[in-house]
Amino acid sequence: MDALELLKQDHQAVKDLFDQIDDAEDGKQRKKLFDQIDTQLNIHAHIEETVFYPEMQKIDELKDMVEEALEEHQEVKTLLEEIEGLDPDGDQFSASLEELMENVEHHVEEEENELFPKAESALSEEELEELGDRMEAEKARKQRGSSSTKSAKKSASKTKSASTAQKRTRTSKKTSKSSGSKKSGSKKSTSKKR
């Protein structure tokens, strides 16, 4: 697949996720969709910054566009980090998400309407295909890294939850033992009175 088609597919995938998060019923669903958006955008930015943009910077008339695109990436990354810490049911989450959507939409429009046509004129089909292959390989590598990081986080979270549950169980056993001994103590005192 050529580089431009690959990037357009990524753009569409993120747009679809934005549409879904708009329709999300509750905070849990919004958080799950946001995590997918976060992952998609970070991987997309990574392949652009490490593979696509360096090639575009070799084309004189695209250097300024690439600089602007890199600045826009930084704004998006800052918003992603900010949203990560917000309550998905809160107003601030919605406001920041709206800002993120607008920034991404603006970035996509500039790339697809200005940068991509110029890249298509400057590079041959073979060069775009070769660039696309390199980007796909880097994307796959980054996705593998991303999924192993997520599973490590999930595993750590499960371990923490399990140990918390074990502590609760031990605490409740201690509580029931102590309340049980109090009950038996009160029975003894009752029988002594008789």
Protein backbone atom coordinates (compact mmCIF):
# COMPACT_ATOMS: atom_id res chain seq x y z
CA MET A 1 0.00 0.00 0.00
CA ASP A 2 1.34 3.43 -0.77
CA ALA A 3 2.25 5.82 2.06
CA LEU A 4 -0.56 8.29 1.39
CA GLU A 5 -3.25 5.59 1.33
CA LEU A 6 -1.93 4.18 4.60
CA LEU A 7 -2.12 7.59 6.28
CA LYS A 8 -5.61 8.24 4.86
CA GLN A 9 -6.77 4.90 6.32
CA ASP A 10 -5.37 5.94 9.72
CA HIS A 11 -7.18 9.28 9.44
CA GLN A 12 -10.46 7.51 8.68
CA ALA A 13 -10.01 5.03 11.56
CA VAL A 14 -9.55 7.90 14.04
CA LYS A 15 -12.53 9.79 12.55
CA ASP A 16 -14.67 6.67 13.07
CA LEU A 17 -13.53 6.45 16.71
CA PHE A 18 -14.39 10.14 17.22
CA ASP A 19 -17.89 9.45 15.82
CA GLN A 20 -18.26 6.52 18.24
CA ILE A 21 -17.09 8.49 21.27
CA ASP A 22 -19.63 11.21 20.40
CA ASP A 23 -22.38 8.58 20.63
CA ALA A 24 -20.98 6.85 23.74
CA GLU A 25 -23.58 6.28 26.46
CA ASP A 26 -21.42 6.40 29.59
CA GLY A 27 -18.02 7.31 30.99
CA LYS A 28 -16.73 3.73 30.91
CA GLN A 29 -17.44 3.46 27.17
CA ARG A 30 -15.96 6.94 26.53
CA LYS A 31 -12.79 5.98 28.43
CA LYS A 32 -12.41 2.75 26.42
CA LEU A 33 -12.86 4.62 23.12
CA PHE A 34 -10.52 7.40 24.23
CA ASP A 35 -7.82 4.81 24.99
CA GLN A 36 -8.21 3.49 21.42
CA ILE A 37 -8.00 7.04 20.01
CA ASP A 38 -4.92 7.72 22.14
CA THR A 39 -3.18 4.56 20.88
CA GLN A 40 -4.14 5.19 17.23
CA LEU A 41 -2.99 8.81 17.28
CA ASN A 42 0.29 8.02 19.02
CA ILE A 43 1.16 5.24 16.57
CA HIS A 44 0.08 7.41 13.61
CA ALA A 45 2.19 10.34 14.83
CA HIS A 46 5.13 7.99 15.39
CA ILE A 47 5.16 6.62 11.83
CA GLU A 48 4.75 10.09 10.40
CA GLU A 49 7.55 11.53 12.53
CA THR A 50 10.02 8.67 12.08
CA VAL A 51 9.37 7.58 8.48
CA PHE A 52 7.06 9.88 6.49
CA TYR A 53 8.07 13.41 7.52
CA PRO A 54 11.83 12.84 7.19
CA GLU A 55 11.20 11.89 3.54
CA MET A 56 8.93 14.90 3.03
CA GLN A 57 11.59 17.23 4.47
CA LYS A 58 13.85 16.26 1.58
CA ILE A 59 11.39 18.07 -0.70
CA ASP A 60 12.10 21.82 -0.43
CA GLU A 61 8.52 23.02 -0.92
CA LEU A 62 7.28 20.72 1.88
CA LYS A 63 9.75 21.68 4.63
CA ASP A 64 7.54 24.42 6.14
CA MET A 65 4.44 22.19 6.00
CA VAL A 66 6.29 19.43 7.83
CA GLU A 67 7.43 21.88 10.53
CA GLU A 68 3.84 23.02 11.03
CA ALA A 69 2.61 19.42 11.10
CA LEU A 70 5.18 18.56 13.80
CA GLU A 71 3.96 21.48 15.92
CA GLU A 72 0.38 20.26 15.50
CA HIS A 73 1.45 16.77 16.60
CA GLN A 74 2.88 18.28 19.78
CA GLU A 75 -0.40 20.07 20.52
CA VAL A 76 -2.33 16.82 20.00
CA LYS A 77 0.05 14.87 22.28
CA THR A 78 -0.33 17.51 25.00
CA LEU A 79 -4.13 17.26 24.77
CA LEU A 80 -4.01 13.45 24.87
CA GLU A 81 -1.97 13.56 28.09
CA GLU A 82 -4.36 16.11 29.60
CA ILE A 83 -7.47 14.08 28.72
CA GLU A 84 -5.88 10.89 30.07
CA GLY A 85 -6.17 12.23 33.62
CA LEU A 86 -9.74 13.54 33.36
CA ASP A 87 -13.01 11.98 34.50
CA PRO A 88 -14.73 10.69 31.31
CA ASP A 89 -18.10 11.76 32.78
CA GLY A 90 -16.89 15.30 33.45
CA ASP A 91 -17.38 18.50 31.47
CA GLN A 92 -13.62 19.10 31.20
CA PHE A 93 -13.19 15.73 29.48
CA SER A 94 -15.84 16.65 26.89
CA ALA A 95 -14.38 20.13 26.32
CA SER A 96 -10.82 18.83 25.91
CA LEU A 97 -12.02 16.00 23.69
CA GLU A 98 -13.82 18.53 21.48
CA GLU A 99 -10.61 20.56 21.22
CA LEU A 100 -8.67 17.39 20.34
CA MET A 101 -11.18 16.51 17.61
CA GLU A 102 -10.93 20.00 16.10
CA ASN A 103 -7.11 19.92 16.16
CA VAL A 104 -6.97 16.49 14.54
CA GLU A 105 -9.56 17.44 11.91
CA HIS A 106 -7.58 20.59 11.02
CA HIS A 107 -4.33 18.60 10.81
CA VAL A 108 -5.92 15.92 8.60
CA GLU A 109 -7.42 18.51 6.23
CA GLU A 110 -4.06 20.24 5.78
CA GLU A 111 -2.27 16.96 5.16
CA GLU A 112 -4.80 15.52 2.75
CA ASN A 113 -5.50 18.75 0.83
CA GLU A 114 -2.05 20.35 0.75
CA LEU A 115 0.79 18.04 1.79
CA PHE A 116 -0.36 14.79 0.16
CA PRO A 117 -0.97 16.23 -3.35
CA LYS A 118 2.49 17.82 -3.33
CA ALA A 119 4.08 14.59 -2.08
CA GLU A 120 2.26 12.69 -4.82
CA SER A 121 3.65 15.09 -7.44
CA ALA A 122 7.19 14.92 -6.07
CA LEU A 123 7.47 11.15 -5.58
CA SER A 124 7.00 8.27 -8.02
CA GLU A 125 4.47 5.48 -7.39
CA GLU A 126 7.36 3.14 -6.56
CA GLU A 127 8.76 5.59 -4.01
CA LEU A 128 5.34 5.98 -2.38
CA GLU A 129 4.92 2.19 -2.28
CA GLU A 130 8.38 1.70 -0.75
CA LEU A 131 7.67 4.43 1.79
CA GLY A 132 4.31 2.80 2.57
CA ASP A 133 6.03 -0.56 3.16
CA ARG A 134 8.49 1.03 5.60
CA MET A 135 5.64 2.80 7.40
CA GLU A 136 3.59 -0.42 7.66
CA ALA A 137 6.58 -2.26 9.12
CA GLU A 138 7.19 0.51 11.66
CA LYS A 139 3.48 0.65 12.51
CA ALA A 140 3.40 -3.12 13.15
CA ARG A 141 6.50 -2.87 15.33
CA LYS A 142 5.01 0.02 17.32
CA GLN A 143 1.66 -1.81 17.72
CA ARG A 144 3.44 -4.85 19.13
CA GLY A 145 5.25 -2.61 21.59
CA SER A 146 2.04 -0.81 22.47
CA SER A 147 0.08 -4.01 23.11
CA SER A 148 2.83 -5.47 25.31
CA THR A 149 2.89 -2.22 27.32
CA LYS A 150 -0.90 -2.37 27.70
CA SER A 151 -0.84 -6.01 28.81
CA ALA A 152 1.90 -5.18 31.32
CA LYS A 153 -0.25 -2.35 32.68
CA LYS A 154 -3.33 -4.63 32.79
CA SER A 155 -1.33 -7.36 34.50
CA ALA A 156 -0.01 -4.89 37.09
CA SER A 157 -3.53 -3.60 37.60
CA LYS A 158 -4.91 -7.15 38.02
CA THR A 159 -2.14 -8.00 40.50
CA LYS A 160 -2.92 -4.86 42.47
CA SER A 161 -6.66 -5.65 42.42
CA ALA A 162 -5.98 -9.24 43.51
CA SER A 163 -3.79 -8.17 46.41
CA THR A 164 -6.39 -5.57 47.44
CA ALA A 165 -9.05 -8.29 47.33
CA GLN A 166 -6.84 -10.60 49.42
CA LYS A 167 -6.31 -7.84 51.99
CA ARG A 168 -10.08 -7.26 52.14
CA THR A 169 -10.66 -11.00 52.63
CA ARG A 170 -8.07 -11.16 55.44
CA THR A 171 -9.54 -8.06 57.06
CA SER A 172 -13.08 -9.42 56.88
CA LYS A 173 -11.91 -12.78 58.32
CA LYS A 174 -10.21 -10.98 61.21
CA THR A 175 -13.32 -8.89 61.74
CA SER A 176 -15.59 -11.93 61.75
CA LYS A 177 -13.23 -13.82 64.13
CA SER A 178 -13.10 -10.91 66.54
CA SER A 179 -16.85 -10.38 66.37
CA GLY A 180 -17.31 -14.16 66.77
CA SER A 181 -15.17 -14.18 69.92
CA LYS A 182 -17.13 -11.24 71.28
CA LYS A 183 -20.37 -13.15 70.68
CA SER A 184 -19.07 -16.28 72.39
CA GLY A 185 -17.76 -14.10 75.22
CA SER A 186 -21.15 -12.58 75.70
CA LYS A 187 -22.74 -16.06 75.76
CA LYS A 188 -20.30 -17.12 78.51
CA SER A 189 -21.09 -14.07 80.58
CA THR A 190 -24.81 -14.77 80.13
CA SER A 191 -24.42 -18.35 81.27
CA LYS A 192 -22.41 -17.23 84.34
CA LYS A 193 -25.20 -14.91 85.34
CA ARG A 194 -27.67 -17.76 85.30
